[in-house]
Amino acid sequence: MTDIIIGIDAGGTKTAGVAAALDEVLLDALAPGARTVSLTAEGANPNDLGARAAGETVARLALELCEDWSEEFGGEARLAALFCAAAGATSCREEFIGETARRVREIYPAALVDADSDAAGLLSLGLGAGGDGCALISGTGSSCFTRIGGKIGRIGGWGYLLDGLGSGYDLGRDAISEALRFHDGRGGSIAIREAVLEKTGGRLPEEMIYDFYKLGKPFIASFASCVFEAEKAGDAAARAILDRNMAYLAELVETAARSFDSSFRTVLGGGIITKNPTALNRLAALVPPACELYIPEHPAEYGALWEARGMLK
């Protein structure tokens, strides 16, 4: 019997998890040769799915990780602790944790289960356990968090209904909007429309309105790539979209900077700013000089793994 711990990062589009043997995970690193397995599942943002459905998704992924770890390394795995860093978790934290724990404890009654915002793991990943600094996330959604003296504060990122800009959803929506404006004859960008048509396989965006509304944020966010493609071709509309969205993210960091007396690190998460050099370079030119932008070496679920390890100190 081997005790394992699991870290899960749950976003709007994808949920990613990693499992490792308890005695091979330090508070901020893996021991040399550590045995790990990783899996992904669909998005599990409680604000999108509801706390119960999101908790079920996380629990299912955790149980699959336990099974895969046992198959990969032999012997029986016993889940000791699970930590989930989830976008939207703070709005329904107790219900989300409760549903996740209920499902997990049907198999592992003694397992510890906890969850927090998607910033929790990211902060530990880039700042170490308890370190002060900032986390900026731009994935399907966008948000900014500070951690000072162990206390996490939030800036922006209140969801697409109440806040806006800086996310894959915002970029994707703007791309689709430009394509529809071109169709209407209201201007719009032909370069972005061509990129949208390439992504849809030739389906006209004006004929996909039902799909956009039915499939929602993750589907719309997938069209963010159209902005980057058009920008590479020199399209002015795409450049304006990127500038507007990166300026919003920089505003979040500028606000966070007021909480620090000196230089501080901002840990970056989400594919928009960690996988697109164009977006990263624009952001870097706008943030305060005291801010060090940092892309972690490991994916965000490893930060959640450190959090799970900390639950067993």
Protein backbone atom coordinates (compact mmCIF):
# COMPACT_ATOMS: atom_id res chain seq x y z
CA MET A 1 0.00 0.00 0.00
CA THR A 2 1.44 3.37 -1.07
CA ASP A 3 0.02 6.68 0.09
CA ILE A 4 -0.31 9.12 -2.80
CA ILE A 5 -1.33 12.74 -3.07
CA ILE A 6 -3.02 14.52 -5.94
CA GLY A 7 -2.98 18.07 -7.24
CA ILE A 8 -5.65 19.24 -9.68
CA ASP A 9 -5.95 22.49 -11.62
CA ALA A 10 -9.51 23.03 -12.84
CA GLY A 11 -10.17 25.68 -15.46
CA GLY A 12 -13.03 26.55 -17.74
CA THR A 13 -11.78 24.48 -20.67
CA LYS A 14 -9.55 21.79 -19.14
CA THR A 15 -8.97 20.08 -15.81
CA ALA A 16 -5.47 18.69 -15.29
CA GLY A 17 -4.23 16.50 -12.45
CA VAL A 18 -1.03 14.88 -11.24
CA ALA A 19 -0.57 12.09 -8.69
CA ALA A 20 2.64 11.21 -6.85
CA ALA A 21 3.76 9.08 -3.94
CA LEU A 22 3.52 11.05 -0.70
CA ASP A 23 7.09 10.35 0.39
CA GLU A 24 8.42 11.59 -2.98
CA VAL A 25 6.86 15.07 -2.81
CA LEU A 26 8.56 17.89 -0.93
CA LEU A 27 6.77 21.14 -0.09
CA ASP A 28 7.99 22.83 -3.27
CA ALA A 29 9.60 20.14 -5.42
CA LEU A 30 9.66 16.48 -6.38
CA ALA A 31 12.34 14.12 -5.12
CA PRO A 32 14.69 12.86 -7.87
CA GLY A 33 13.07 10.02 -9.78
CA ALA A 34 9.63 10.66 -8.30
CA ARG A 35 6.87 8.47 -9.66
CA THR A 36 4.05 10.55 -11.11
CA VAL A 37 1.10 10.11 -13.46
CA SER A 38 -0.89 12.88 -15.13
CA LEU A 39 -4.36 13.03 -16.69
CA THR A 40 -6.72 15.65 -18.10
CA ALA A 41 -10.49 15.96 -18.27
CA GLU A 42 -13.05 18.51 -19.39
CA GLY A 43 -13.33 21.88 -17.69
CA ALA A 44 -14.63 22.04 -14.10
CA ASN A 45 -15.31 25.67 -13.27
CA PRO A 46 -18.12 25.61 -10.66
CA ASN A 47 -19.49 28.91 -11.98
CA ASP A 48 -20.04 27.25 -15.36
CA LEU A 49 -21.15 23.76 -14.33
CA GLY A 50 -22.46 24.26 -10.81
CA ALA A 51 -20.64 23.12 -7.69
CA ARG A 52 -21.97 19.57 -7.78
CA ALA A 53 -21.12 18.81 -11.40
CA ALA A 54 -17.69 20.43 -11.09
CA GLY A 55 -16.99 18.45 -7.91
CA GLU A 56 -17.99 15.23 -9.66
CA THR A 57 -15.58 15.97 -12.51
CA VAL A 58 -12.70 16.61 -10.11
CA ALA A 59 -13.45 13.53 -8.04
CA ARG A 60 -13.69 11.33 -11.11
CA LEU A 61 -10.32 12.56 -12.35
CA ALA A 62 -8.77 11.96 -8.92
CA LEU A 63 -10.03 8.38 -8.79
CA GLU A 64 -8.77 7.74 -12.32
CA LEU A 65 -5.36 9.07 -11.28
CA CYS A 66 -5.29 6.64 -8.36
CA GLU A 67 -6.08 3.74 -10.68
CA ASP A 68 -3.50 4.79 -13.24
CA TRP A 69 -0.82 5.22 -10.58
CA SER A 70 -1.45 1.68 -9.32
CA GLU A 71 -1.31 0.26 -12.84
CA GLU A 72 1.83 2.20 -13.76
CA PHE A 73 3.90 1.41 -10.68
CA GLY A 74 2.30 -1.71 -9.25
CA GLY A 75 0.80 -2.24 -5.83
CA GLU A 76 -2.24 -0.54 -4.39
CA ALA A 77 -2.44 3.24 -4.11
CA ARG A 78 -4.25 4.90 -1.22
CA LEU A 79 -5.24 8.54 -1.58
CA ALA A 80 -3.97 10.57 1.38
CA ALA A 81 -4.74 14.12 0.23
CA LEU A 82 -6.30 15.92 -2.72
CA PHE A 83 -6.06 19.63 -3.38
CA CYS A 84 -7.92 21.28 -6.25
CA ALA A 85 -7.10 24.78 -7.46
CA ALA A 86 -10.24 25.69 -9.38
CA ALA A 87 -11.35 28.76 -11.28
CA GLY A 88 -14.56 29.91 -9.60
CA ALA A 89 -14.13 27.75 -6.50
CA THR A 90 -14.22 30.60 -4.00
CA SER A 91 -17.82 31.47 -4.90
CA CYS A 92 -19.10 28.07 -3.72
CA ARG A 93 -16.11 26.62 -1.91
CA GLU A 94 -17.85 24.55 0.75
CA GLU A 95 -20.33 22.96 -1.63
CA PHE A 96 -17.61 22.24 -4.19
CA ILE A 97 -15.31 20.66 -1.60
CA GLY A 98 -18.19 18.75 -0.08
CA GLU A 99 -19.21 17.13 -3.35
CA THR A 100 -15.62 16.30 -4.28
CA ALA A 101 -14.94 14.81 -0.86
CA ARG A 102 -18.16 12.78 -0.86
CA ARG A 103 -17.27 11.06 -4.11
CA VAL A 104 -13.62 10.50 -3.24
CA ARG A 105 -14.33 9.15 0.24
CA GLU A 106 -16.60 6.46 -1.14
CA ILE A 107 -13.31 4.76 -2.09
CA TYR A 108 -10.81 6.43 0.26
CA PRO A 109 -12.64 7.28 3.52
CA ALA A 110 -9.62 8.86 5.21
CA ALA A 111 -8.58 11.12 2.32
CA LEU A 112 -8.15 14.82 3.08
CA VAL A 113 -9.82 17.07 0.49
CA ASP A 114 -9.47 20.81 0.05
CA ALA A 115 -9.88 23.41 -2.69
CA ASP A 116 -9.29 27.08 -3.32
CA SER A 117 -9.07 29.48 -6.23
CA ASP A 118 -6.96 28.66 -9.26
CA ALA A 119 -4.37 31.10 -7.92
CA ALA A 120 -3.53 28.98 -4.87
CA GLY A 121 -1.46 26.40 -6.70
CA LEU A 122 0.01 28.93 -9.09
CA LEU A 123 1.28 31.12 -6.24
CA SER A 124 2.99 28.17 -4.58
CA LEU A 125 4.39 27.06 -7.91
CA GLY A 126 6.10 30.37 -8.58
CA LEU A 127 6.71 31.79 -5.10
CA GLY A 128 7.31 28.77 -2.91
CA ALA A 129 5.29 27.86 0.13
CA GLY A 130 3.93 31.05 1.70
CA GLY A 131 5.95 33.48 -0.45
CA ASP A 132 4.63 36.97 -1.15
CA GLY A 133 3.84 38.00 -4.71
CA CYS A 134 1.23 38.07 -7.42
CA ALA A 135 -0.43 35.63 -9.81
CA LEU A 136 -1.94 36.66 -13.14
CA ILE A 137 -4.12 34.20 -15.02
CA SER A 138 -5.25 34.47 -18.62
CA GLY A 139 -6.83 31.28 -19.85
CA THR A 140 -10.47 30.78 -20.68
CA GLY A 141 -11.04 33.50 -18.08
CA SER A 142 -8.74 36.08 -16.52
CA SER A 143 -7.96 37.12 -12.95
CA CYS A 144 -5.24 38.50 -10.70
CA PHE A 145 -4.34 37.61 -7.12
CA THR A 146 -1.87 38.82 -4.51
CA ARG A 147 -0.47 36.86 -1.58
CA ILE A 148 0.97 38.88 1.29
CA GLY A 149 1.74 37.32 4.65
CA GLY A 150 -0.20 34.23 3.65
CA LYS A 151 -3.37 36.17 2.84
CA ILE A 152 -4.67 35.96 -0.74
CA GLY A 153 -6.45 38.95 -2.25
CA ARG A 154 -8.26 39.16 -5.57
CA ILE A 155 -8.22 41.88 -8.23
CA GLY A 156 -10.63 41.69 -11.16
CA GLY A 157 -11.64 38.52 -12.91
CA TRP A 158 -15.23 38.63 -11.72
CA GLY A 159 -16.53 36.63 -14.67
CA TYR A 160 -17.65 37.45 -18.19
CA LEU A 161 -20.99 38.88 -17.03
CA LEU A 162 -19.52 41.31 -14.48
CA ASP A 163 -15.98 41.96 -15.66
CA GLY A 164 -14.16 41.63 -18.94
CA LEU A 165 -11.07 41.55 -21.12
CA GLY A 166 -7.78 39.74 -20.84
CA SER A 167 -8.99 36.19 -21.43
CA GLY A 168 -9.26 33.61 -24.17
CA TYR A 169 -13.02 34.08 -24.05
CA ASP A 170 -12.67 37.82 -24.65
CA LEU A 171 -10.22 37.35 -27.51
CA GLY A 172 -12.34 34.63 -29.08
CA ARG A 173 -15.52 36.66 -28.76
CA ASP A 174 -13.83 39.65 -30.35
CA ALA A 175 -12.59 37.48 -33.23
CA ILE A 176 -16.08 36.13 -33.90
CA SER A 177 -17.53 39.64 -33.59
CA GLU A 178 -15.06 40.98 -36.18
CA ALA A 179 -16.00 38.16 -38.55
CA LEU A 180 -19.71 38.94 -38.12
CA ARG A 181 -19.14 42.67 -38.59
CA PHE A 182 -17.41 41.94 -41.88
CA HIS A 183 -20.36 39.78 -42.95
CA ASP A 184 -22.77 42.61 -42.12
CA GLY A 185 -20.79 45.21 -44.02
CA ARG A 186 -20.09 47.13 -40.79
CA GLY A 187 -16.35 47.05 -41.27
CA GLY A 188 -14.70 44.18 -39.48
CA SER A 189 -11.46 42.43 -40.32
CA ILE A 190 -11.16 40.24 -43.38
CA ALA A 191 -7.97 38.71 -41.96
CA ILE A 192 -9.75 37.67 -38.77
CA ARG A 193 -12.75 36.40 -40.73
CA GLU A 194 -10.46 34.25 -42.86
CA ALA A 195 -8.83 32.86 -39.72
CA VAL A 196 -12.25 32.11 -38.25
CA LEU A 197 -13.34 30.34 -41.45
CA GLU A 198 -10.16 28.27 -41.42
CA LYS A 199 -10.84 27.23 -37.83
CA THR A 200 -14.47 26.29 -38.56
CA GLY A 201 -13.50 24.32 -41.66
CA GLY A 202 -15.31 26.75 -43.89
CA ARG A 203 -18.53 27.04 -41.88
CA LEU A 204 -19.78 30.61 -41.89
CA PRO A 205 -19.84 32.18 -38.42
CA GLU A 206 -23.21 33.80 -39.14
CA GLU A 207 -24.60 30.26 -39.50
CA MET A 208 -23.09 29.12 -36.18
CA ILE A 209 -24.84 31.42 -33.72
CA TYR A 210 -26.64 28.49 -32.09
CA ASP A 211 -23.33 26.66 -31.68
CA PHE A 212 -21.66 29.66 -30.07
CA TYR A 213 -24.41 30.03 -27.49
CA LYS A 214 -24.86 26.31 -26.89
CA LEU A 215 -21.18 25.41 -26.54
CA GLY A 216 -20.38 28.51 -24.53
CA LYS A 217 -17.17 29.93 -23.11
CA PRO A 218 -14.67 27.14 -23.85
CA PHE A 219 -15.76 26.97 -27.49
CA ILE A 220 -15.68 30.73 -27.94
CA ALA A 221 -12.28 30.91 -26.21
CA SER A 222 -10.87 28.48 -28.76
CA PHE A 223 -11.21 31.24 -31.38
CA ALA A 224 -8.60 33.36 -29.58
CA SER A 225 -6.04 31.75 -31.89
CA CYS A 226 -7.67 33.62 -34.80
CA VAL A 227 -6.58 36.94 -33.30
CA PHE A 228 -2.98 35.79 -33.03
CA GLU A 229 -2.98 34.45 -36.59
CA ALA A 230 -4.35 37.71 -37.99
CA GLU A 231 -1.95 39.79 -35.91
CA LYS A 232 1.01 37.88 -37.34
CA ALA A 233 -0.24 38.89 -40.79
CA GLY A 234 -0.15 42.55 -39.74
CA ASP A 235 -3.89 43.04 -39.25
CA ALA A 236 -4.68 46.31 -37.45
CA ALA A 237 -7.93 45.05 -35.88
CA ALA A 238 -6.17 42.03 -34.38
CA ARG A 239 -3.42 44.25 -33.04
CA ALA A 240 -6.02 46.53 -31.42
CA ILE A 241 -7.77 43.56 -29.81
CA LEU A 242 -4.51 42.31 -28.33
CA ASP A 243 -3.51 45.77 -27.12
CA ARG A 244 -6.88 46.31 -25.44
CA ASN A 245 -6.80 42.96 -23.66
CA MET A 246 -3.17 43.15 -22.58
CA ALA A 247 -3.77 46.68 -21.25
CA TYR A 248 -6.52 45.27 -19.05
CA LEU A 249 -4.18 42.61 -17.64
CA ALA A 250 -1.50 45.23 -17.05
CA GLU A 251 -4.05 47.32 -15.16
CA LEU A 252 -4.64 44.39 -12.80
CA VAL A 253 -0.90 44.07 -12.15
CA GLU A 254 -0.54 47.84 -11.67
CA THR A 255 -3.25 47.67 -9.03
CA ALA A 256 -1.50 44.75 -7.35
CA ALA A 257 1.78 46.70 -7.33
CA ARG A 258 0.33 49.15 -4.80
CA SER A 259 0.38 46.35 -2.23
CA PHE A 260 4.15 45.86 -2.45
CA ASP A 261 6.86 48.17 -1.14
CA SER A 262 9.51 46.94 -3.58
CA SER A 263 9.95 44.61 -6.55
CA PHE A 264 7.68 41.61 -6.70
CA ARG A 265 7.18 38.51 -8.82
CA THR A 266 4.03 37.91 -10.84
CA VAL A 267 3.51 34.25 -11.65
CA LEU A 268 1.77 33.77 -14.98
CA GLY A 269 -0.83 31.12 -15.67
CA GLY A 270 -3.16 30.30 -18.56
CA GLY A 271 -2.32 29.65 -22.18
CA ILE A 272 -2.99 33.14 -23.53
CA ILE A 273 0.05 34.68 -21.82
CA THR A 274 2.25 31.63 -21.28
CA LYS A 275 2.03 30.11 -24.77
CA ASN A 276 1.78 33.19 -26.99
CA PRO A 277 4.97 35.28 -27.10
CA THR A 278 3.13 38.12 -28.83
CA ALA A 279 0.75 38.52 -25.88
CA LEU A 280 3.55 38.11 -23.34
CA ASN A 281 5.73 40.74 -24.98
CA ARG A 282 2.87 43.23 -25.09
CA LEU A 283 2.10 42.59 -21.44
CA ALA A 284 5.75 42.91 -20.42
CA ALA A 285 5.93 46.35 -22.03
CA LEU A 286 2.97 47.57 -19.98
CA VAL A 287 3.49 46.27 -16.43
CA PRO A 288 5.36 48.35 -13.81
CA PRO A 289 9.19 48.03 -13.81
CA ALA A 290 9.05 46.59 -10.27
CA CYS A 291 7.15 43.57 -11.57
CA GLU A 292 9.04 40.44 -12.62
CA LEU A 293 6.90 38.29 -14.92
CA TYR A 294 7.58 34.61 -14.30
CA ILE A 295 6.39 31.53 -16.19
CA PRO A 296 6.69 28.44 -13.96
CA GLU A 297 8.68 25.45 -15.10
CA HIS A 298 5.88 23.03 -14.16
CA PRO A 299 2.19 23.23 -15.09
CA ALA A 300 -0.29 24.62 -12.56
CA GLU A 301 -1.44 21.23 -11.24
CA TYR A 302 2.00 20.77 -9.68
CA GLY A 303 1.38 23.85 -7.55
CA ALA A 304 -1.80 22.16 -6.35
CA LEU A 305 0.34 19.10 -5.59
CA TRP A 306 2.53 21.20 -3.27
CA GLU A 307 -0.66 22.45 -1.63
CA ALA A 308 -1.80 18.84 -1.10
CA ARG A 309 1.56 18.04 0.48
CA GLY A 310 1.15 20.97 2.83
CA MET A 311 -2.18 19.56 4.05
CA LEU A 312 -0.25 16.65 5.60
CA LYS A 313 2.47 18.61 7.42
